[in-house]
Amino acid sequence: MNKSCVNIGYLSYLINTRMKLKMLFFLSAIAGVVSACTAQTQNKTMEQNQTQQLDMTKYKTAVFASGCFWGTEFFLQKTEGVISTTVGYTGGHVDNPTYEQVCGKKTGHYEAVEVVYDPAVISYEQLSRIFFETHDPTQANGQGPDIGPQYRSAIFVADDAERAIAEKLIAVLEAKGNDIATVVLPAATFWPAELYHQDYYDNKGGTPYCHAYTKRF
């Protein structure tokens, strides 16, 4: 066998081996960086979650229904002092209802929005005024082109103080000649809607088709 061929073969073997070692070292280094970044991200997420949980002690919730919950959420989530919004179903008699079940009009649920807000920035009355001014509270059994029990106008109150505010605002509007269809109901279990309904207009673009701002107070 030619000695030069052997040497060339051996040299090729050494080069390939070194390249493999370098590649393994490089991949190992990358894995270390990724692992460190992942750990930092997880720690940051845990810290944020803990902060949010602590902050929740100073926040309050309110639940409003004014037709298609996409439009209700659109205006409320843009209000200063609102921390978060979740669209869902409430006021019915079926546990964990689906959108299809609610649209079937047999579960008794309203399409509603649960609002988490900072009372140091915005009051329950101010939120309620925005609710009344961003839909037609005189329309019964629906909102705009959406007709059905799930689209009725309602405020779900958690206590007597919220009830008093809601009823006061209704009285103010009725004194101005409005025949208010909005009902005031006790807060019930709120079931979050499917993920594709959340933040609908922010994700899909566009604006509500049956909600608009009208100054009423």
Protein backbone atom coordinates (compact mmCIF):
# COMPACT_ATOMS: atom_id res chain seq x y z
CA MET A 1 0.00 0.00 0.00
CA ASN A 2 1.23 3.47 -0.84
CA LYS A 3 2.51 5.18 2.32
CA SER A 4 1.35 8.59 1.11
CA CYS A 5 -2.20 7.24 0.75
CA VAL A 6 -2.08 6.01 4.33
CA ASN A 7 -0.84 9.37 5.56
CA ILE A 8 -3.50 11.23 3.61
CA GLY A 9 -6.19 8.90 4.95
CA TYR A 10 -4.95 9.34 8.49
CA LEU A 11 -4.75 13.12 8.06
CA SER A 12 -8.30 13.17 6.75
CA TYR A 13 -9.38 11.13 9.75
CA LEU A 14 -7.73 13.63 12.14
CA ILE A 15 -9.32 16.61 10.39
CA ASN A 16 -12.76 15.03 10.50
CA THR A 17 -12.33 14.11 14.15
CA ARG A 18 -11.26 17.63 15.10
CA MET A 19 -14.17 19.13 13.15
CA LYS A 20 -16.57 16.86 14.95
CA LEU A 21 -15.08 17.81 18.31
CA LYS A 22 -15.31 21.50 17.47
CA MET A 23 -18.89 21.05 16.36
CA LEU A 24 -19.74 19.18 19.57
CA PHE A 25 -18.06 21.93 21.61
CA PHE A 26 -19.97 24.61 19.67
CA LEU A 27 -23.32 22.84 20.10
CA SER A 28 -22.59 22.33 23.79
CA ALA A 29 -21.84 26.03 24.19
CA ILE A 30 -25.05 26.97 22.35
CA ALA A 31 -27.05 24.59 24.50
CA GLY A 32 -25.57 26.20 27.59
CA VAL A 33 -26.54 29.68 26.41
CA VAL A 34 -30.06 28.56 25.51
CA SER A 35 -30.41 26.83 28.87
CA ALA A 36 -29.27 29.97 30.70
CA CYS A 37 -31.65 32.18 28.71
CA THR A 38 -34.52 29.78 29.31
CA ALA A 39 -33.81 29.79 33.03
CA GLN A 40 -33.70 33.59 33.08
CA THR A 41 -36.98 33.77 31.15
CA GLN A 42 -38.64 31.30 33.50
CA ASN A 43 -37.41 33.21 36.53
CA LYS A 44 -38.63 36.48 35.04
CA THR A 45 -42.03 34.95 34.27
CA MET A 46 -42.29 33.59 37.81
CA GLU A 47 -41.42 37.00 39.20
CA GLN A 48 -44.01 38.69 36.98
CA ASN A 49 -46.67 36.17 37.99
CA GLN A 50 -45.87 36.67 41.66
CA THR A 51 -46.04 40.44 41.20
CA GLN A 52 -49.36 40.16 39.41
CA GLN A 53 -50.73 37.95 42.18
CA LEU A 54 -49.65 40.45 44.80
CA ASP A 55 -51.06 43.35 42.78
CA MET A 56 -54.44 41.63 42.52
CA THR A 57 -55.05 42.52 46.16
CA LYS A 58 -55.54 46.14 45.11
CA TYR A 59 -57.65 45.46 42.00
CA LYS A 60 -61.38 44.82 41.63
CA THR A 61 -63.56 43.11 39.04
CA ALA A 62 -66.75 44.10 37.26
CA VAL A 63 -68.91 42.16 34.80
CA PHE A 64 -70.88 43.76 31.96
CA ALA A 65 -72.97 42.36 29.10
CA SER A 66 -73.92 44.53 26.12
CA GLY A 67 -74.34 42.35 23.07
CA CYS A 68 -71.48 40.66 21.25
CA PHE A 69 -68.68 40.48 23.79
CA TRP A 70 -66.09 41.40 21.16
CA GLY A 71 -67.48 44.93 21.01
CA THR A 72 -68.02 45.24 24.75
CA GLU A 73 -64.40 44.31 25.36
CA PHE A 74 -63.11 46.62 22.60
CA PHE A 75 -64.08 49.77 24.50
CA LEU A 76 -63.58 48.62 28.07
CA GLN A 77 -60.05 47.28 27.55
CA LYS A 78 -58.95 50.66 26.18
CA THR A 79 -60.13 52.51 29.27
CA GLU A 80 -57.50 54.00 31.56
CA GLY A 81 -57.37 52.08 34.82
CA VAL A 82 -58.48 48.78 33.28
CA ILE A 83 -55.84 46.11 33.96
CA SER A 84 -57.29 43.25 31.92
CA THR A 85 -60.45 42.02 30.25
CA THR A 86 -61.79 38.52 29.61
CA VAL A 87 -64.77 37.68 27.43
CA GLY A 88 -67.01 34.84 28.51
CA TYR A 89 -70.41 33.60 29.54
CA THR A 90 -72.41 34.21 32.72
CA GLY A 91 -75.91 34.13 34.13
CA GLY A 92 -76.83 30.72 32.72
CA HIS A 93 -77.57 27.26 34.09
CA VAL A 94 -75.03 25.11 32.22
CA ASP A 95 -71.52 24.59 33.58
CA ASN A 96 -68.58 25.44 31.32
CA PRO A 97 -70.71 26.23 28.25
CA THR A 98 -69.30 26.38 24.74
CA TYR A 99 -69.90 29.16 22.25
CA GLU A 100 -72.08 26.83 20.18
CA GLN A 101 -74.23 25.98 23.21
CA VAL A 102 -74.69 29.64 24.14
CA CYS A 103 -75.59 30.51 20.54
CA GLY A 104 -78.19 27.75 20.73
CA LYS A 105 -80.06 30.06 23.15
CA LYS A 106 -80.88 27.28 25.62
CA THR A 107 -78.25 27.79 28.32
CA GLY A 108 -79.50 31.13 29.66
CA HIS A 109 -76.05 32.71 29.43
CA TYR A 110 -75.17 36.25 28.46
CA GLU A 111 -72.09 37.08 26.41
CA ALA A 112 -70.21 39.22 28.93
CA VAL A 113 -66.87 40.76 29.80
CA GLU A 114 -65.08 40.45 33.12
CA VAL A 115 -63.04 43.59 33.77
CA VAL A 116 -60.16 43.78 36.23
CA TYR A 117 -59.59 47.42 37.13
CA ASP A 118 -57.65 49.62 39.51
CA PRO A 119 -60.12 51.55 41.73
CA ALA A 120 -57.37 54.06 42.47
CA VAL A 121 -57.51 55.10 38.80
CA ILE A 122 -61.13 54.51 37.77
CA SER A 123 -64.26 53.94 39.84
CA TYR A 124 -67.00 51.38 39.36
CA GLU A 125 -69.40 54.20 38.48
CA GLN A 126 -67.06 55.52 35.79
CA LEU A 127 -66.77 52.03 34.29
CA SER A 128 -70.54 51.65 34.37
CA ARG A 129 -70.98 54.97 32.58
CA ILE A 130 -68.65 53.78 29.82
CA PHE A 131 -70.70 50.58 29.60
CA PHE A 132 -73.90 52.59 29.07
CA GLU A 133 -72.26 54.94 26.58
CA THR A 134 -70.78 52.27 24.30
CA HIS A 135 -73.96 50.38 23.41
CA ASP A 136 -77.68 51.00 23.08
CA PRO A 137 -79.16 50.24 26.54
CA THR A 138 -82.68 50.81 25.22
CA GLN A 139 -82.60 47.82 22.85
CA ALA A 140 -84.25 44.72 24.28
CA ASN A 141 -83.33 41.12 23.44
CA GLY A 142 -80.22 41.96 21.49
CA GLN A 143 -77.77 44.59 20.33
CA GLY A 144 -77.70 45.96 16.81
CA PRO A 145 -78.17 43.13 14.32
CA ASP A 146 -77.44 40.48 16.96
CA ILE A 147 -80.76 39.29 18.30
CA GLY A 148 -81.16 36.72 21.07
CA PRO A 149 -81.07 36.28 24.84
CA GLN A 150 -77.28 35.95 24.90
CA TYR A 151 -76.98 39.51 23.54
CA ARG A 152 -79.13 41.26 26.16
CA SER A 153 -77.84 44.24 28.14
CA ALA A 154 -77.04 43.53 31.80
CA ILE A 155 -74.82 44.52 34.70
CA PHE A 156 -73.82 41.72 37.06
CA VAL A 157 -73.26 43.23 40.51
CA ALA A 158 -71.19 41.73 43.30
CA ASP A 159 -72.72 43.65 46.21
CA ASP A 160 -75.28 46.26 47.27
CA ALA A 161 -72.89 49.12 46.55
CA GLU A 162 -72.51 48.10 42.90
CA ARG A 163 -76.28 47.55 42.62
CA ALA A 164 -76.95 51.04 43.97
CA ILE A 165 -74.61 52.60 41.41
CA ALA A 166 -76.10 50.64 38.49
CA GLU A 167 -79.67 51.48 39.51
CA LYS A 168 -78.77 55.15 40.01
CA LEU A 169 -77.35 55.41 36.49
CA ILE A 170 -80.40 53.70 35.03
CA ALA A 171 -82.62 56.18 36.88
CA VAL A 172 -80.59 59.09 35.49
CA LEU A 173 -81.00 57.81 31.93
CA GLU A 174 -84.70 57.12 32.39
CA ALA A 175 -85.18 60.64 33.75
CA LYS A 176 -83.82 61.84 30.40
CA GLY A 177 -86.58 59.97 28.59
CA ASN A 178 -84.76 56.72 27.81
CA ASP A 179 -86.61 53.42 28.15
CA ILE A 180 -83.70 51.37 29.55
CA ALA A 181 -83.69 47.65 28.81
CA THR A 182 -80.54 46.94 30.87
CA VAL A 183 -81.18 44.62 33.81
CA VAL A 184 -79.21 44.49 37.05
CA LEU A 185 -78.47 40.93 38.16
CA PRO A 186 -76.45 39.33 40.96
CA ALA A 187 -72.99 38.19 39.92
CA ALA A 188 -72.88 34.54 38.86
CA THR A 189 -70.15 32.12 37.80
CA PHE A 190 -68.17 33.61 34.93
CA TRP A 191 -66.97 31.10 32.36
CA PRO A 192 -64.15 32.38 30.09
CA ALA A 193 -64.90 31.96 26.39
CA GLU A 194 -62.72 30.05 23.96
CA LEU A 195 -59.26 31.49 23.28
CA TYR A 196 -60.08 32.72 19.76
CA HIS A 197 -62.70 35.08 21.22
CA GLN A 198 -60.24 36.82 23.54
CA ASP A 199 -58.92 40.26 22.42
CA TYR A 200 -60.75 39.63 19.17
CA TYR A 201 -60.41 43.04 17.51
CA ASP A 202 -56.82 43.49 18.68
CA ASN A 203 -55.92 40.19 17.04
CA LYS A 204 -58.11 40.38 13.94
CA GLY A 205 -58.19 44.12 13.37
CA GLY A 206 -61.27 46.17 12.56
CA THR A 207 -63.83 47.80 14.85
CA PRO A 208 -67.12 46.70 16.45
CA TYR A 209 -70.15 46.47 14.17
CA CYS A 210 -72.79 47.06 16.87
CA HIS A 211 -70.99 49.15 19.48
CA ALA A 212 -70.12 52.84 19.31
CA TYR A 213 -69.59 55.65 21.75
CA THR A 214 -72.57 57.94 22.48
CA LYS A 215 -72.44 60.50 25.27
CA ARG A 216 -75.41 59.87 27.55
CA PHE A 217 -74.51 61.53 30.86
